[in-house]
């Protein structure tokens, strides 16, 4: 708190008051010396030694010192100190896009990739700050908008719990569907400030297999639209599923997710366990739900200054039976 620079103050010209505080300190010292000189003018020094203490206690200066420090603290408060603080976003759109292809039933992540993903996604949705409009898309052979962007977290959580597996993986179509949902929502809620900032959170475990739009092309479109994609590559190299009685390897596809994130201007996250996935969603929740702003930080200075002023008044009454 006390290490702020002048650049961190909204109205630093209030620091000119410190000249007045310094002047008060000088006046106090001068008056104390003048008081002592007046006392020494007594003709009867022997009587003076009897009626005046040999050495005045230092504590009688404490109230004045407290008062001067209080003035300094209150001056800092008037100067409007600011500090970088984490504040909840009051407007933003996020589309949560979850892969429900058959590879998601692999049990390399217990109890299964899908069930672990559902639990983590629900926690993410429920923990997101109230000002975020969250939507949900599931995709396999095609993409389906299950919930349009909304602040109703219950609707999103319910739909996450109802996710069902299907064949194929149309990653590109899922990105296109998410962008369309964001665009439609932005046209409805966009005011003078334009549509709210948006992001896509894409969680998948496998390679793209079908679709009318390639994932990398869709990622470039997202970049052009100013919608970064945070990709979560979920699963391990040891994933195996049984499809129509045949055992099939379903290793996670980190490279594709890295490329999608890079092309869109987003970030790539790797989650090889349920715990890692929860941590990834926690990180995204912090990044998406909050932003850093220069906010007013004068309250601590104001509180300390007021407390010291009150202590100065109390001390003056105790030691001198009068206010300073």
C-alpha atoms as a PDB file:
ATOM      1  CA  UNK A   1       0.000   0.000   0.000  1.00  0.00           C
ATOM      2  CA  UNK A   2       2.790   2.444   0.911  1.00  0.00           C
ATOM      3  CA  UNK A   3       4.869   1.629  -2.196  1.00  0.00           C
ATOM      4  CA  UNK A   4       2.645   3.378  -4.730  1.00  0.00           C
ATOM      5  CA  UNK A   5       4.257   5.762  -7.189  1.00  0.00           C
ATOM      6  CA  UNK A   6       2.925   9.208  -8.089  1.00  0.00           C
ATOM      7  CA  UNK A   7       1.716   7.765 -11.383  1.00  0.00           C
ATOM      8  CA  UNK A   8      -0.712   5.596  -9.433  1.00  0.00           C
ATOM      9  CA  UNK A   9      -2.662   8.602  -8.106  1.00  0.00           C
ATOM     10  CA  UNK A  10      -5.725  10.073  -9.799  1.00  0.00           C
ATOM     11  CA  UNK A  11      -5.232  13.642  -8.476  1.00  0.00           C
ATOM     12  CA  UNK A  12      -1.614  13.970  -7.279  1.00  0.00           C
ATOM     13  CA  UNK A  13      -1.885  17.772  -6.978  1.00  0.00           C
ATOM     14  CA  UNK A  14      -3.449  17.166  -3.564  1.00  0.00           C
ATOM     15  CA  UNK A  15       0.083  16.379  -2.385  1.00  0.00           C
ATOM     16  CA  UNK A  16       0.597  20.144  -2.243  1.00  0.00           C
ATOM     17  CA  UNK A  17      -1.137  19.888   1.129  1.00  0.00           C
ATOM     18  CA  UNK A  18       1.984  18.198   2.470  1.00  0.00           C
ATOM     19  CA  UNK A  19       3.534  21.690   2.469  1.00  0.00           C
ATOM     20  CA  UNK A  20       0.868  22.776   4.925  1.00  0.00           C
ATOM     21  CA  UNK A  21       1.492  19.686   7.062  1.00  0.00           C
ATOM     22  CA  UNK A  22       5.222  20.422   7.110  1.00  0.00           C
ATOM     23  CA  UNK A  23       4.456  24.028   8.062  1.00  0.00           C
ATOM     24  CA  UNK A  24       2.306  22.824  10.978  1.00  0.00           C
ATOM     25  CA  UNK A  25       5.175  20.631  12.188  1.00  0.00           C
ATOM     26  CA  UNK A  26       7.564  23.599  12.079  1.00  0.00           C
ATOM     27  CA  UNK A  27       5.065  25.845  13.881  1.00  0.00           C
ATOM     28  CA  UNK A  28       4.599  23.210  16.580  1.00  0.00           C
ATOM     29  CA  UNK A  29       8.356  22.981  17.209  1.00  0.00           C
ATOM     30  CA  UNK A  30       8.721  26.784  17.267  1.00  0.00           C
ATOM     31  CA  UNK A  31       5.825  27.186  19.715  1.00  0.00           C
ATOM     32  CA  UNK A  32       7.301  24.568  22.038  1.00  0.00           C
ATOM     33  CA  UNK A  33      10.616  26.441  22.133  1.00  0.00           C
ATOM     34  CA  UNK A  34       8.875  29.768  22.710  1.00  0.00           C
ATOM     35  CA  UNK A  35       6.885  28.216  25.561  1.00  0.00           C
ATOM     36  CA  UNK A  36      10.073  27.059  27.242  1.00  0.00           C
ATOM     37  CA  UNK A  37      11.697  30.467  26.857  1.00  0.00           C
ATOM     38  CA  UNK A  38       8.667  32.153  28.466  1.00  0.00           C
ATOM     39  CA  UNK A  39       8.940  29.794  31.405  1.00  0.00           C
ATOM     40  CA  UNK A  40      12.617  30.683  31.846  1.00  0.00           C
ATOM     41  CA  UNK A  41      11.745  34.366  32.227  1.00  0.00           C
ATOM     42  CA  UNK A  42      10.583  33.753  35.808  1.00  0.00           C
ATOM     43  CA  UNK A  43      12.777  35.758  38.098  1.00  0.00           C
ATOM     44  CA  UNK A  44      12.611  33.183  40.867  1.00  0.00           C
ATOM     45  CA  UNK A  45      14.294  30.171  39.307  1.00  0.00           C
ATOM     46  CA  UNK A  46      14.127  28.297  42.592  1.00  0.00           C
ATOM     47  CA  UNK A  47      10.322  28.628  42.571  1.00  0.00           C
ATOM     48  CA  UNK A  48      10.234  27.553  38.918  1.00  0.00           C
ATOM     49  CA  UNK A  49      12.049  24.347  39.737  1.00  0.00           C
ATOM     50  CA  UNK A  50       9.460  23.603  42.397  1.00  0.00           C
ATOM     51  CA  UNK A  51       6.325  24.239  40.299  1.00  0.00           C
ATOM     52  CA  UNK A  52       7.591  22.847  36.987  1.00  0.00           C
ATOM     53  CA  UNK A  53       8.719  19.280  36.390  1.00  0.00           C
ATOM     54  CA  UNK A  54      12.454  18.833  35.922  1.00  0.00           C
ATOM     55  CA  UNK A  55      11.895  17.028  32.625  1.00  0.00           C
ATOM     56  CA  UNK A  56       8.644  17.114  30.683  1.00  0.00           C
ATOM     57  CA  UNK A  57       7.527  13.715  29.426  1.00  0.00           C
ATOM     58  CA  UNK A  58       8.037  12.972  25.740  1.00  0.00           C
ATOM     59  CA  UNK A  59       4.580  11.455  25.602  1.00  0.00           C
ATOM     60  CA  UNK A  60       2.944  14.892  25.611  1.00  0.00           C
ATOM     61  CA  UNK A  61       4.159  15.270  22.006  1.00  0.00           C
ATOM     62  CA  UNK A  62       2.553  11.987  20.875  1.00  0.00           C
ATOM     63  CA  UNK A  63      -0.914  13.467  20.137  1.00  0.00           C
ATOM     64  CA  UNK A  64       0.607  16.150  17.917  1.00  0.00           C
ATOM     65  CA  UNK A  65       2.753  13.566  16.114  1.00  0.00           C
ATOM     66  CA  UNK A  66      -0.270  11.328  15.566  1.00  0.00           C
ATOM     67  CA  UNK A  67      -2.251  14.272  14.242  1.00  0.00           C
ATOM     68  CA  UNK A  68       0.462  15.235  11.751  1.00  0.00           C
ATOM     69  CA  UNK A  69       0.762  11.648  10.481  1.00  0.00           C
ATOM     70  CA  UNK A  70      -3.044  11.508  10.210  1.00  0.00           C
ATOM     71  CA  UNK A  71      -2.972  14.646   8.053  1.00  0.00           C
ATOM     72  CA  UNK A  72      -0.377  12.993   5.787  1.00  0.00           C
ATOM     73  CA  UNK A  73      -2.460   9.835   5.412  1.00  0.00           C
ATOM     74  CA  UNK A  74      -5.597  11.820   4.654  1.00  0.00           C
ATOM     75  CA  UNK A  75      -3.654  13.820   2.073  1.00  0.00           C
ATOM     76  CA  UNK A  76      -2.681  10.588   0.342  1.00  0.00           C
ATOM     77  CA  UNK A  77      -6.363   9.547   0.361  1.00  0.00           C
ATOM     78  CA  UNK A  78      -7.353  12.876  -1.224  1.00  0.00           C
ATOM     79  CA  UNK A  79      -4.740  12.319  -3.954  1.00  0.00           C
ATOM     80  CA  UNK A  80      -6.771   9.306  -5.098  1.00  0.00           C
ATOM     81  CA  UNK A  81      -4.401   6.341  -4.928  1.00  0.00           C
ATOM     82  CA  UNK A  82      -5.221   3.575  -7.369  1.00  0.00           C
ATOM     83  CA  UNK A  83      -4.094  -0.023  -7.605  1.00  0.00           C
ATOM     84  CA  UNK A  84      -4.487  -2.839 -10.074  1.00  0.00           C
ATOM     85  CA  UNK A  85      -7.334  -4.989  -8.807  1.00  0.00           C
ATOM     86  CA  UNK A  86      -9.144  -8.056 -10.061  1.00  0.00           C
ATOM     87  CA  UNK A  87     -12.770  -7.180 -10.745  1.00  0.00           C
ATOM     88  CA  UNK A  88     -15.601  -9.328 -12.157  1.00  0.00           C
ATOM     89  CA  UNK A  89     -16.430  -8.736 -15.805  1.00  0.00           C
ATOM     90  CA  UNK A  90     -19.833  -7.158 -16.248  1.00  0.00           C
ATOM     91  CA  UNK A  91     -20.276  -8.294 -19.838  1.00  0.00           C
ATOM     92  CA  UNK A  92     -18.794 -11.105 -21.931  1.00  0.00           C
ATOM     93  CA  UNK A  93     -19.950 -14.099 -23.961  1.00  0.00           C
ATOM     94  CA  UNK A  94     -18.480 -17.584 -23.673  1.00  0.00           C
ATOM     95  CA  UNK A  95     -19.436 -20.629 -25.706  1.00  0.00           C
ATOM     96  CA  UNK A  96     -18.490 -23.907 -24.075  1.00  0.00           C
ATOM     97  CA  UNK A  97     -18.014 -26.493 -26.847  1.00  0.00           C
ATOM     98  CA  UNK A  98     -17.764 -30.125 -25.715  1.00  0.00           C
ATOM     99  CA  UNK A  99     -16.854 -33.153 -27.800  1.00  0.00           C
ATOM    100  CA  UNK A 100     -19.331 -36.062 -27.368  1.00  0.00           C
ATOM    101  CA  UNK A 101     -17.848 -38.418 -29.946  1.00  0.00           C
ATOM    102  CA  UNK A 102     -17.628 -42.123 -29.058  1.00  0.00           C
ATOM    103  CA  UNK A 103     -13.968 -41.753 -28.066  1.00  0.00           C
ATOM    104  CA  UNK A 104     -15.181 -39.846 -25.005  1.00  0.00           C
ATOM    105  CA  UNK A 105     -16.338 -43.088 -23.412  1.00  0.00           C
ATOM    106  CA  UNK A 106     -12.711 -44.193 -22.993  1.00  0.00           C
ATOM    107  CA  UNK A 107     -11.865 -44.986 -19.381  1.00  0.00           C
ATOM    108  CA  UNK A 108      -8.213 -43.893 -19.356  1.00  0.00           C
ATOM    109  CA  UNK A 109      -9.612 -41.043 -17.256  1.00  0.00           C
ATOM    110  CA  UNK A 110     -11.902 -42.373 -14.534  1.00  0.00           C
ATOM    111  CA  UNK A 111     -14.762 -43.014 -14.543  1.00  0.00           C
ATOM    112  CA  UNK A 112     -14.704 -42.048 -18.234  1.00  0.00           C
ATOM    113  CA  UNK A 113     -13.601 -39.106 -20.307  1.00  0.00           C
ATOM    114  CA  UNK A 114     -17.173 -37.901 -20.731  1.00  0.00           C
ATOM    115  CA  UNK A 115     -18.172 -38.204 -17.080  1.00  0.00           C
ATOM    116  CA  UNK A 116     -15.021 -36.442 -15.924  1.00  0.00           C
ATOM    117  CA  UNK A 117     -15.613 -33.730 -18.499  1.00  0.00           C
ATOM    118  CA  UNK A 118     -19.206 -33.285 -17.358  1.00  0.00           C
ATOM    119  CA  UNK A 119     -18.203 -32.873 -13.728  1.00  0.00           C
ATOM    120  CA  UNK A 120     -15.491 -30.324 -14.517  1.00  0.00           C
ATOM    121  CA  UNK A 121     -17.661 -28.402 -17.002  1.00  0.00           C
ATOM    122  CA  UNK A 122     -20.486 -28.120 -14.455  1.00  0.00           C
ATOM    123  CA  UNK A 123     -18.082 -26.733 -11.885  1.00  0.00           C
ATOM    124  CA  UNK A 124     -16.787 -24.250 -14.454  1.00  0.00           C
ATOM    125  CA  UNK A 125     -20.292 -23.113 -15.370  1.00  0.00           C
ATOM    126  CA  UNK A 126     -21.441 -22.735 -11.776  1.00  0.00           C
ATOM    127  CA  UNK A 127     -18.306 -20.848 -10.728  1.00  0.00           C
ATOM    128  CA  UNK A 128     -18.309 -18.341 -13.581  1.00  0.00           C
ATOM    129  CA  UNK A 129     -18.994 -14.754 -12.537  1.00  0.00           C
ATOM    130  CA  UNK A 130     -22.622 -13.576 -12.897  1.00  0.00           C
ATOM    131  CA  UNK A 131     -21.890 -11.042 -15.639  1.00  0.00           C
ATOM    132  CA  UNK A 132     -20.784 -13.722 -18.115  1.00  0.00           C
ATOM    133  CA  UNK A 133     -23.277 -15.048 -20.653  1.00  0.00           C
ATOM    134  CA  UNK A 134     -22.483 -18.736 -21.099  1.00  0.00           C
ATOM    135  CA  UNK A 135     -23.704 -20.967 -23.899  1.00  0.00           C
ATOM    136  CA  UNK A 136     -23.233 -24.677 -24.598  1.00  0.00           C
ATOM    137  CA  UNK A 137     -22.608 -26.652 -27.779  1.00  0.00           C
ATOM    138  CA  UNK A 138     -22.098 -30.388 -28.086  1.00  0.00           C
ATOM    139  CA  UNK A 139     -20.605 -31.932 -31.193  1.00  0.00           C
ATOM    140  CA  UNK A 140     -19.917 -35.300 -32.717  1.00  0.00           C
ATOM    141  CA  UNK A 141     -20.859 -35.841 -36.375  1.00  0.00           C
ATOM    142  CA  UNK A 142     -22.603 -32.462 -36.222  1.00  0.00           C
ATOM    143  CA  UNK A 143     -22.790 -29.536 -33.828  1.00  0.00           C
ATOM    144  CA  UNK A 144     -25.845 -28.731 -31.722  1.00  0.00           C
ATOM    145  CA  UNK A 145     -26.472 -25.537 -29.785  1.00  0.00           C
ATOM    146  CA  UNK A 146     -27.917 -26.875 -26.540  1.00  0.00           C
ATOM    147  CA  UNK A 147     -28.050 -23.545 -24.700  1.00  0.00           C
ATOM    148  CA  UNK A 148     -27.800 -20.084 -26.234  1.00  0.00           C
ATOM    149  CA  UNK A 149     -25.670 -17.586 -24.261  1.00  0.00           C
ATOM    150  CA  UNK A 150     -27.372 -16.888 -20.942  1.00  0.00           C
ATOM    151  CA  UNK A 151     -26.663 -16.030 -17.330  1.00  0.00           C
ATOM    152  CA  UNK A 152     -28.862 -18.972 -16.258  1.00  0.00           C
ATOM    153  CA  UNK A 153     -26.237 -21.385 -14.957  1.00  0.00           C
ATOM    154  CA  UNK A 154     -28.815 -24.034 -14.059  1.00  0.00           C
ATOM    155  CA  UNK A 155     -29.830 -24.413 -17.707  1.00  0.00           C
ATOM    156  CA  UNK A 156     -26.218 -24.927 -18.751  1.00  0.00           C
ATOM    157  CA  UNK A 157     -25.470 -27.376 -15.919  1.00  0.00           C
ATOM    158  CA  UNK A 158     -28.594 -29.394 -16.724  1.00  0.00           C
ATOM    159  CA  UNK A 159     -27.653 -29.655 -20.390  1.00  0.00           C
ATOM    160  CA  UNK A 160     -24.088 -30.679 -19.514  1.00  0.00           C
ATOM    161  CA  UNK A 161     -25.495 -33.508 -17.411  1.00  0.00           C
ATOM    162  CA  UNK A 162     -27.670 -34.669 -20.323  1.00  0.00           C
ATOM    163  CA  UNK A 163     -24.838 -34.984 -22.869  1.00  0.00           C
ATOM    164  CA  UNK A 164     -25.022 -38.166 -24.988  1.00  0.00           C
ATOM    165  CA  UNK A 165     -22.368 -39.831 -27.096  1.00  0.00           C
ATOM    166  CA  UNK A 166     -22.556 -40.056 -30.891  1.00  0.00           C
ATOM    167  CA  UNK A 167     -20.343 -41.002 -33.829  1.00  0.00           C
ATOM    168  CA  UNK A 168     -17.675 -38.903 -35.587  1.00  0.00           C
ATOM    169  CA  UNK A 169     -15.975 -35.590 -34.742  1.00  0.00           C
ATOM    170  CA  UNK A 170     -16.899 -32.405 -36.610  1.00  0.00           C
ATOM    171  CA  UNK A 171     -14.623 -29.939 -34.827  1.00  0.00           C
ATOM    172  CA  UNK A 172     -14.732 -27.279 -37.541  1.00  0.00           C
ATOM    173  CA  UNK A 173     -18.524 -27.275 -37.650  1.00  0.00           C
ATOM    174  CA  UNK A 174     -18.603 -26.898 -33.860  1.00  0.00           C
ATOM    175  CA  UNK A 175     -16.412 -23.775 -34.047  1.00  0.00           C
ATOM    176  CA  UNK A 176     -18.618 -22.338 -36.803  1.00  0.00           C
ATOM    177  CA  UNK A 177     -21.753 -23.012 -34.718  1.00  0.00           C
ATOM    178  CA  UNK A 178     -20.180 -21.316 -31.690  1.00  0.00           C
ATOM    179  CA  UNK A 179     -19.262 -18.244 -33.736  1.00  0.00           C
ATOM    180  CA  UNK A 180     -22.792 -18.050 -35.140  1.00  0.00           C
ATOM    181  CA  UNK A 181     -24.298 -18.237 -31.637  1.00  0.00           C
ATOM    182  CA  UNK A 182     -21.962 -15.497 -30.418  1.00  0.00           C
ATOM    183  CA  UNK A 183     -22.790 -13.309 -33.427  1.00  0.00           C
ATOM    184  CA  UNK A 184     -26.550 -13.706 -32.963  1.00  0.00           C
ATOM    185  CA  UNK A 185     -26.343 -12.952 -29.268  1.00  0.00           C
ATOM    186  CA  UNK A 186     -24.090  -9.943 -29.867  1.00  0.00           C
ATOM    187  CA  UNK A 187     -26.612  -8.405 -32.264  1.00  0.00           C
ATOM    188  CA  UNK A 188     -29.321  -8.675 -29.612  1.00  0.00           C
ATOM    189  CA  UNK A 189     -27.417  -7.287 -26.632  1.00  0.00           C
ATOM    190  CA  UNK A 190     -24.899  -5.030 -28.372  1.00  0.00           C
ATOM    191  CA  UNK A 191     -25.495  -1.364 -27.594  1.00  0.00           C
ATOM    192  CA  UNK A 192     -23.447   1.764 -28.041  1.00  0.00           C
ATOM    193  CA  UNK A 193     -20.370  -0.124 -26.866  1.00  0.00           C
ATOM    194  CA  UNK A 194     -20.906  -2.838 -29.472  1.00  0.00           C
ATOM    195  CA  UNK A 195     -21.203  -6.567 -28.775  1.00  0.00           C
ATOM    196  CA  UNK A 196     -19.582  -7.905 -25.616  1.00  0.00           C
ATOM    197  CA  UNK A 197     -16.157  -9.555 -25.890  1.00  0.00           C
ATOM    198  CA  UNK A 198     -16.397 -13.267 -26.610  1.00  0.00           C
ATOM    199  CA  UNK A 199     -14.423 -16.469 -26.310  1.00  0.00           C
ATOM    200  CA  UNK A 200     -14.863 -20.095 -27.284  1.00  0.00           C
ATOM    201  CA  UNK A 201     -13.768 -22.860 -24.893  1.00  0.00           C
ATOM    202  CA  UNK A 202     -13.302 -26.020 -26.968  1.00  0.00           C
ATOM    203  CA  UNK A 203     -12.812 -29.339 -25.223  1.00  0.00           C
ATOM    204  CA  UNK A 204     -12.133 -32.424 -27.303  1.00  0.00           C
ATOM    205  CA  UNK A 205     -10.044 -35.585 -27.238  1.00  0.00           C
ATOM    206  CA  UNK A 206      -9.637 -36.680 -30.822  1.00  0.00           C
ATOM    207  CA  UNK A 207      -8.920 -35.770 -34.396  1.00  0.00           C
ATOM    208  CA  UNK A 208     -11.459 -34.131 -36.642  1.00  0.00           C
ATOM    209  CA  UNK A 209     -13.069 -36.817 -38.850  1.00  0.00           C
ATOM    210  CA  UNK A 210     -16.000 -35.131 -40.636  1.00  0.00           C
ATOM    211  CA  UNK A 211     -17.513 -31.714 -41.243  1.00  0.00           C
ATOM    212  CA  UNK A 212     -18.320 -29.109 -43.839  1.00  0.00           C
ATOM    213  CA  UNK A 213     -15.720 -26.683 -42.482  1.00  0.00           C
ATOM    214  CA  UNK A 214     -12.190 -27.658 -41.529  1.00  0.00           C
ATOM    215  CA  UNK A 215     -11.191 -26.868 -37.976  1.00  0.00           C
ATOM    216  CA  UNK A 216      -8.074 -24.897 -38.909  1.00  0.00           C
ATOM    217  CA  UNK A 217     -10.024 -22.752 -41.384  1.00  0.00           C
ATOM    218  CA  UNK A 218     -12.703 -22.131 -38.780  1.00  0.00           C
ATOM    219  CA  UNK A 219     -10.006 -21.138 -36.276  1.00  0.00           C
ATOM    220  CA  UNK A 220      -8.678 -18.553 -38.731  1.00  0.00           C
ATOM    221  CA  UNK A 221     -12.237 -17.220 -39.139  1.00  0.00           C
ATOM    222  CA  UNK A 222     -12.477 -16.926 -35.359  1.00  0.00           C
ATOM    223  CA  UNK A 223      -9.229 -14.943 -35.341  1.00  0.00           C
ATOM    224  CA  UNK A 224     -10.654 -12.557 -37.940  1.00  0.00           C
ATOM    225  CA  UNK A 225     -13.827 -12.162 -35.868  1.00  0.00           C
ATOM    226  CA  UNK A 226     -11.812 -11.405 -32.742  1.00  0.00           C
ATOM    227  CA  UNK A 227     -12.969 -14.540 -30.928  1.00  0.00           C
ATOM    228  CA  UNK A 228     -10.041 -16.456 -29.401  1.00  0.00           C
ATOM    229  CA  UNK A 229     -10.454 -20.177 -28.837  1.00  0.00           C
ATOM    230  CA  UNK A 230      -9.168 -21.729 -25.638  1.00  0.00           C
ATOM    231  CA  UNK A 231      -8.615 -25.389 -26.473  1.00  0.00           C
ATOM    232  CA  UNK A 232      -8.518 -28.197 -23.921  1.00  0.00           C
ATOM    233  CA  UNK A 233      -6.955 -31.418 -25.143  1.00  0.00           C
ATOM    234  CA  UNK A 234      -8.503 -33.999 -22.836  1.00  0.00           C
ATOM    235  CA  UNK A 235      -7.273 -37.573 -22.558  1.00  0.00           C
ATOM    236  CA  UNK A 236      -4.137 -39.697 -22.818  1.00  0.00           C
ATOM    237  CA  UNK A 237      -2.247 -41.635 -25.454  1.00  0.00           C
ATOM    238  CA  UNK A 238      -3.543 -44.890 -23.934  1.00  0.00           C
ATOM    239  CA  UNK A 239      -7.244 -44.275 -24.572  1.00  0.00           C
ATOM    240  CA  UNK A 240      -9.155 -47.296 -25.900  1.00  0.00           C
ATOM    241  CA  UNK A 241     -12.863 -47.809 -26.682  1.00  0.00           C
ATOM    242  CA  UNK A 242     -14.935 -50.690 -28.010  1.00  0.00           C
ATOM    243  CA  UNK A 243     -17.073 -49.782 -31.024  1.00  0.00           C
ATOM    244  CA  UNK A 244     -19.407 -52.415 -32.518  1.00  0.00           C
ATOM    245  CA  UNK A 245     -17.471 -55.140 -30.746  1.00  0.00           C
ATOM    246  CA  UNK A 246     -14.093 -53.971 -31.987  1.00  0.00           C
ATOM    247  CA  UNK A 247     -11.356 -52.535 -29.791  1.00  0.00           C
ATOM    248  CA  UNK A 248     -10.136 -49.184 -31.100  1.00  0.00           C
ATOM    249  CA  UNK A 249      -7.319 -46.916 -29.944  1.00  0.00           C
ATOM    250  CA  UNK A 250      -8.372 -43.298 -29.348  1.00  0.00           C
ATOM    251  CA  UNK A 251      -5.214 -41.341 -28.427  1.00  0.00           C
ATOM    252  CA  UNK A 252      -5.643 -37.689 -27.639  1.00  0.00           C
ATOM    253  CA  UNK A 253      -4.787 -35.223 -30.420  1.00  0.00           C
ATOM    254  CA  UNK A 254      -2.721 -32.482 -28.767  1.00  0.00           C
ATOM    255  CA  UNK A 255      -1.195 -31.160 -31.975  1.00  0.00           C
ATOM    256  CA  UNK A 256      -4.507 -30.214 -33.563  1.00  0.00           C
ATOM    257  CA  UNK A 257      -5.689 -28.441 -30.426  1.00  0.00           C
ATOM    258  CA  UNK A 258      -2.435 -26.500 -30.212  1.00  0.00           C
ATOM    259  CA  UNK A 259      -2.815 -25.374 -33.813  1.00  0.00           C
ATOM    260  CA  UNK A 260      -6.445 -24.308 -33.376  1.00  0.00           C
ATOM    261  CA  UNK A 261      -5.517 -22.234 -30.348  1.00  0.00           C
ATOM    262  CA  UNK A 262      -2.575 -20.682 -32.173  1.00  0.00           C
ATOM    263  CA  UNK A 263      -4.543 -19.842 -35.321  1.00  0.00           C
ATOM    264  CA  UNK A 264      -7.373 -18.243 -33.343  1.00  0.00           C
ATOM    265  CA  UNK A 265      -5.184 -16.272 -30.970  1.00  0.00           C
ATOM    266  CA  UNK A 266      -6.242 -18.347 -27.984  1.00  0.00           C
ATOM    267  CA  UNK A 267      -4.509 -20.638 -25.511  1.00  0.00           C
ATOM    268  CA  UNK A 268      -3.888 -24.369 -25.428  1.00  0.00           C
ATOM    269  CA  UNK A 269      -4.394 -26.464 -22.305  1.00  0.00           C
ATOM    270  CA  UNK A 270      -3.491 -30.102 -21.751  1.00  0.00           C
ATOM    271  CA  UNK A 271      -5.526 -32.221 -19.326  1.00  0.00           C
ATOM    272  CA  UNK A 272      -4.536 -35.859 -18.869  1.00  0.00           C
ATOM    273  CA  UNK A 273      -6.612 -36.478 -15.749  1.00  0.00           C
ATOM    274  CA  UNK A 274      -9.838 -35.362 -14.111  1.00  0.00           C
ATOM    275  CA  UNK A 275      -7.872 -33.271 -11.606  1.00  0.00           C
ATOM    276  CA  UNK A 276      -5.888 -31.550 -14.357  1.00  0.00           C
ATOM    277  CA  UNK A 277      -9.117 -30.802 -16.200  1.00  0.00           C
ATOM    278  CA  UNK A 278     -10.576 -29.182 -13.089  1.00  0.00           C
ATOM    279  CA  UNK A 279      -7.465 -27.049 -12.741  1.00  0.00           C
ATOM    280  CA  UNK A 280      -7.699 -25.998 -16.383  1.00  0.00           C
ATOM    281  CA  UNK A 281     -11.316 -24.949 -15.943  1.00  0.00           C
ATOM    282  CA  UNK A 282     -10.407 -23.074 -12.753  1.00  0.00           C
ATOM    283  CA  UNK A 283      -7.729 -21.192 -14.675  1.00  0.00           C
ATOM    284  CA  UNK A 284     -10.146 -20.373 -17.482  1.00  0.00           C
ATOM    285  CA  UNK A 285     -12.730 -19.233 -14.965  1.00  0.00           C
ATOM    286  CA  UNK A 286     -10.237 -16.738 -13.551  1.00  0.00           C
ATOM    287  CA  UNK A 287      -9.168 -15.516 -16.985  1.00  0.00           C
ATOM    288  CA  UNK A 288     -12.667 -15.209 -18.390  1.00  0.00           C
ATOM    289  CA  UNK A 289     -14.616 -14.110 -15.337  1.00  0.00           C
ATOM    290  CA  UNK A 290     -12.281 -11.385 -14.118  1.00  0.00           C
ATOM    291  CA  UNK A 291     -10.236  -8.565 -15.535  1.00  0.00           C
ATOM    292  CA  UNK A 292      -7.565  -6.337 -14.030  1.00  0.00           C
ATOM    293  CA  UNK A 293      -8.375  -2.655 -13.734  1.00  0.00           C
ATOM    294  CA  UNK A 294      -6.970   0.374 -11.977  1.00  0.00           C
ATOM    295  CA  UNK A 295      -9.411   0.843  -9.121  1.00  0.00           C
ATOM    296  CA  UNK A 296      -9.691   3.286  -6.228  1.00  0.00           C
ATOM    297  CA  UNK A 297      -7.442   2.318  -3.316  1.00  0.00           C
ATOM    298  CA  UNK A 298      -7.975   5.305  -1.029  1.00  0.00           C
ATOM    299  CA  UNK A 299     -10.034   3.553   1.642  1.00  0.00           C
ATOM    300  CA  UNK A 300      -7.102   2.069   3.655  1.00  0.00           C
ATOM    301  CA  UNK A 301      -5.414   5.482   3.770  1.00  0.00           C
ATOM    302  CA  UNK A 302      -8.669   7.157   4.813  1.00  0.00           C
ATOM    303  CA  UNK A 303      -9.312   4.595   7.539  1.00  0.00           C
ATOM    304  CA  UNK A 304      -5.773   4.831   8.966  1.00  0.00           C
ATOM    305  CA  UNK A 305      -5.831   8.619   8.855  1.00  0.00           C
ATOM    306  CA  UNK A 306      -9.157   8.776  10.672  1.00  0.00           C
ATOM    307  CA  UNK A 307      -8.021   6.294  13.344  1.00  0.00           C
ATOM    308  CA  UNK A 308      -4.808   8.240  13.988  1.00  0.00           C
ATOM    309  CA  UNK A 309      -6.747  11.514  14.232  1.00  0.00           C
ATOM    310  CA  UNK A 310      -9.045   9.936  16.819  1.00  0.00           C
ATOM    311  CA  UNK A 311      -6.045   8.597  18.759  1.00  0.00           C
ATOM    312  CA  UNK A 312      -4.473  12.053  18.661  1.00  0.00           C
ATOM    313  CA  UNK A 313      -7.632  13.587  20.125  1.00  0.00           C
ATOM    314  CA  UNK A 314      -7.844  10.916  22.827  1.00  0.00           C
ATOM    315  CA  UNK A 315      -4.166  11.314  23.716  1.00  0.00           C
ATOM    316  CA  UNK A 316      -4.501  15.087  23.986  1.00  0.00           C
ATOM    317  CA  UNK A 317      -7.404  14.714  26.394  1.00  0.00           C
ATOM    318  CA  UNK A 318      -5.532  12.159  28.517  1.00  0.00           C
ATOM    319  CA  UNK A 319      -2.178  13.957  28.683  1.00  0.00           C
ATOM    320  CA  UNK A 320      -3.220  17.598  28.448  1.00  0.00           C
ATOM    321  CA  UNK A 321      -6.925  17.677  29.336  1.00  0.00           C
ATOM    322  CA  UNK A 322      -7.569  19.484  26.068  1.00  0.00           C
ATOM    323  CA  UNK A 323      -7.698  18.822  22.348  1.00  0.00           C
ATOM    324  CA  UNK A 324      -4.528  19.563  20.385  1.00  0.00           C
END
